[in-house]
Amino acid sequence: GVGMGMTAPVSITAFPAEDGSLQQNVKVSLRIPSQFQASPPCPSDESIKIEERQGMTIYSTQFGGYAKEMDYVNYAAKLKSALGSDAVYRKDFYLCNGYDPPMKPYGRRNEVWFVKE
């Protein structure tokens, strides 16, 4: 029953299939605003979970526009290629991040993150 407003980024955990496409199993995460961090409100919907993320080191690439699934897949492939075989990161998932409200037409920011192991 507490309104918290929208935070950025909206982060989608993507689980790539063997062919690089995304499986239908995704997890959408929103950051809880700072003023609620110490004591977040309890969700009334059982499908919503509060998860504490530990600090992480990421490999990242950024791109603009209205991001679609194929954009994230393509930029993840480009990031993988740029990192080569020496970088050690989680291969079972990556994070797709959007920073802008839907009504922002220009200067949009999207990122793909690989989590360093």
Protein backbone atom coordinates (compact mmCIF):
# COMPACT_ATOMS: atom_id res chain seq x y z
CA GLY A 1 0.00 0.00 0.00
CA VAL A 2 3.01 2.34 -0.18
CA GLY A 3 3.78 4.14 -3.44
CA MET A 4 7.51 4.23 -4.11
CA GLY A 5 7.72 5.64 -7.62
CA MET A 6 9.81 4.25 -10.44
CA THR A 7 13.54 3.65 -10.12
CA ALA A 8 16.25 3.05 -12.68
CA PRO A 9 17.47 0.89 -14.07
CA VAL A 10 14.74 -1.62 -14.69
CA SER A 11 16.81 -4.79 -14.80
CA ILE A 12 15.73 -7.97 -16.57
CA THR A 13 17.68 -11.14 -15.86
CA ALA A 14 17.90 -12.99 -19.17
CA PHE A 15 18.70 -16.67 -19.45
CA PRO A 16 20.15 -17.34 -22.91
CA ALA A 17 19.33 -20.52 -24.82
CA GLU A 18 22.01 -22.44 -26.74
CA ASP A 19 21.29 -20.42 -29.92
CA GLY A 20 21.68 -17.09 -28.04
CA SER A 21 17.95 -16.31 -27.97
CA LEU A 22 16.33 -15.64 -24.63
CA GLN A 23 14.33 -18.28 -22.82
CA GLN A 24 10.86 -17.28 -21.71
CA ASN A 25 12.06 -17.51 -18.11
CA VAL A 26 13.01 -13.94 -17.13
CA LYS A 27 13.13 -12.01 -13.85
CA VAL A 28 12.37 -8.28 -13.70
CA SER A 29 14.05 -6.35 -10.87
CA LEU A 30 13.46 -2.82 -9.63
CA ARG A 31 15.65 -1.00 -7.14
CA ILE A 32 13.94 -0.05 -3.90
CA PRO A 33 14.39 3.72 -3.38
CA SER A 34 16.98 4.79 -0.79
CA GLN A 35 14.45 5.96 1.81
CA PHE A 36 12.95 2.42 1.91
CA GLN A 37 16.23 0.43 1.89
CA ALA A 38 16.48 -0.09 5.66
CA SER A 39 12.88 -1.27 6.03
CA PRO A 40 11.16 -2.02 2.71
CA PRO A 41 7.36 -2.33 2.69
CA CYS A 42 6.10 -5.91 2.59
CA PRO A 43 4.69 -6.82 -0.85
CA SER A 44 0.99 -7.73 -0.83
CA ASP A 45 1.43 -9.88 -3.97
CA GLU A 46 3.10 -13.25 -3.26
CA SER A 47 4.80 -13.26 -6.67
CA ILE A 48 6.85 -10.19 -5.67
CA LYS A 49 9.98 -10.95 -3.66
CA ILE A 50 12.45 -8.65 -1.97
CA GLU A 51 15.98 -9.71 -2.81
CA GLU A 52 19.18 -8.24 -1.46
CA ARG A 53 21.93 -8.07 -4.06
CA GLN A 54 25.53 -8.13 -3.00
CA GLY A 55 28.05 -5.91 -4.73
CA MET A 56 29.18 -7.17 -8.11
CA THR A 57 31.70 -6.37 -10.79
CA ILE A 58 30.26 -6.27 -14.29
CA TYR A 59 31.32 -6.09 -17.90
CA SER A 60 28.98 -3.69 -19.65
CA THR A 61 28.02 -2.27 -23.01
CA GLN A 62 25.63 0.62 -23.63
CA PHE A 63 23.32 1.43 -26.53
CA GLY A 64 20.44 3.79 -27.32
CA GLY A 65 16.93 3.62 -28.73
CA TYR A 66 13.84 1.69 -27.69
CA ALA A 67 15.42 -1.65 -26.80
CA LYS A 68 13.77 -4.86 -27.95
CA GLU A 69 14.72 -8.42 -27.08
CA MET A 70 16.78 -8.78 -30.27
CA ASP A 71 18.75 -5.61 -29.40
CA TYR A 72 19.74 -7.10 -26.05
CA VAL A 73 20.64 -10.42 -27.69
CA ASN A 74 22.76 -8.67 -30.35
CA TYR A 75 24.57 -6.42 -27.85
CA ALA A 76 25.20 -9.38 -25.55
CA ALA A 77 26.81 -11.17 -28.52
CA LYS A 78 28.94 -8.09 -29.27
CA LEU A 79 30.02 -7.84 -25.62
CA LYS A 80 30.89 -11.54 -25.56
CA SER A 81 32.97 -11.10 -28.71
CA ALA A 82 34.73 -7.99 -27.34
CA LEU A 83 35.64 -9.80 -24.11
CA GLY A 84 37.10 -12.79 -25.92
CA SER A 85 37.95 -16.00 -24.12
CA ASP A 86 40.09 -14.51 -21.31
CA ALA A 87 37.29 -12.81 -19.35
CA VAL A 88 35.61 -14.94 -16.69
CA TYR A 89 31.92 -14.15 -16.21
CA ARG A 90 28.60 -15.91 -15.59
CA LYS A 91 27.43 -17.56 -18.79
CA ASP A 92 24.08 -18.84 -17.48
CA PHE A 93 22.46 -15.37 -17.36
CA TYR A 94 23.04 -11.71 -18.10
CA LEU A 95 21.25 -8.50 -17.17
CA CYS A 96 19.35 -6.25 -19.60
CA ASN A 97 18.92 -2.75 -18.20
CA GLY A 98 16.75 0.18 -19.26
CA TYR A 99 17.07 3.60 -17.66
CA ASP A 100 14.34 5.69 -19.29
CA PRO A 101 10.57 6.09 -19.05
CA PRO A 102 8.61 4.88 -22.11
CA MET A 103 7.67 8.43 -23.13
CA LYS A 104 11.28 9.59 -23.56
CA PRO A 105 11.83 9.53 -27.34
CA TYR A 106 15.51 10.56 -27.62
CA GLY A 107 18.75 9.99 -25.75
CA ARG A 108 17.64 6.65 -24.34
CA ARG A 109 20.12 4.52 -22.38
CA ASN A 110 20.17 0.72 -22.31
CA GLU A 111 22.91 -1.62 -21.10
CA VAL A 112 23.82 -5.29 -21.13
CA TRP A 113 25.74 -6.53 -18.07
CA PHE A 114 27.76 -9.71 -17.70
CA VAL A 115 28.57 -10.48 -14.04
CA LYS A 116 32.25 -11.18 -13.43
CA GLU A 117 32.97 -14.43 -11.58
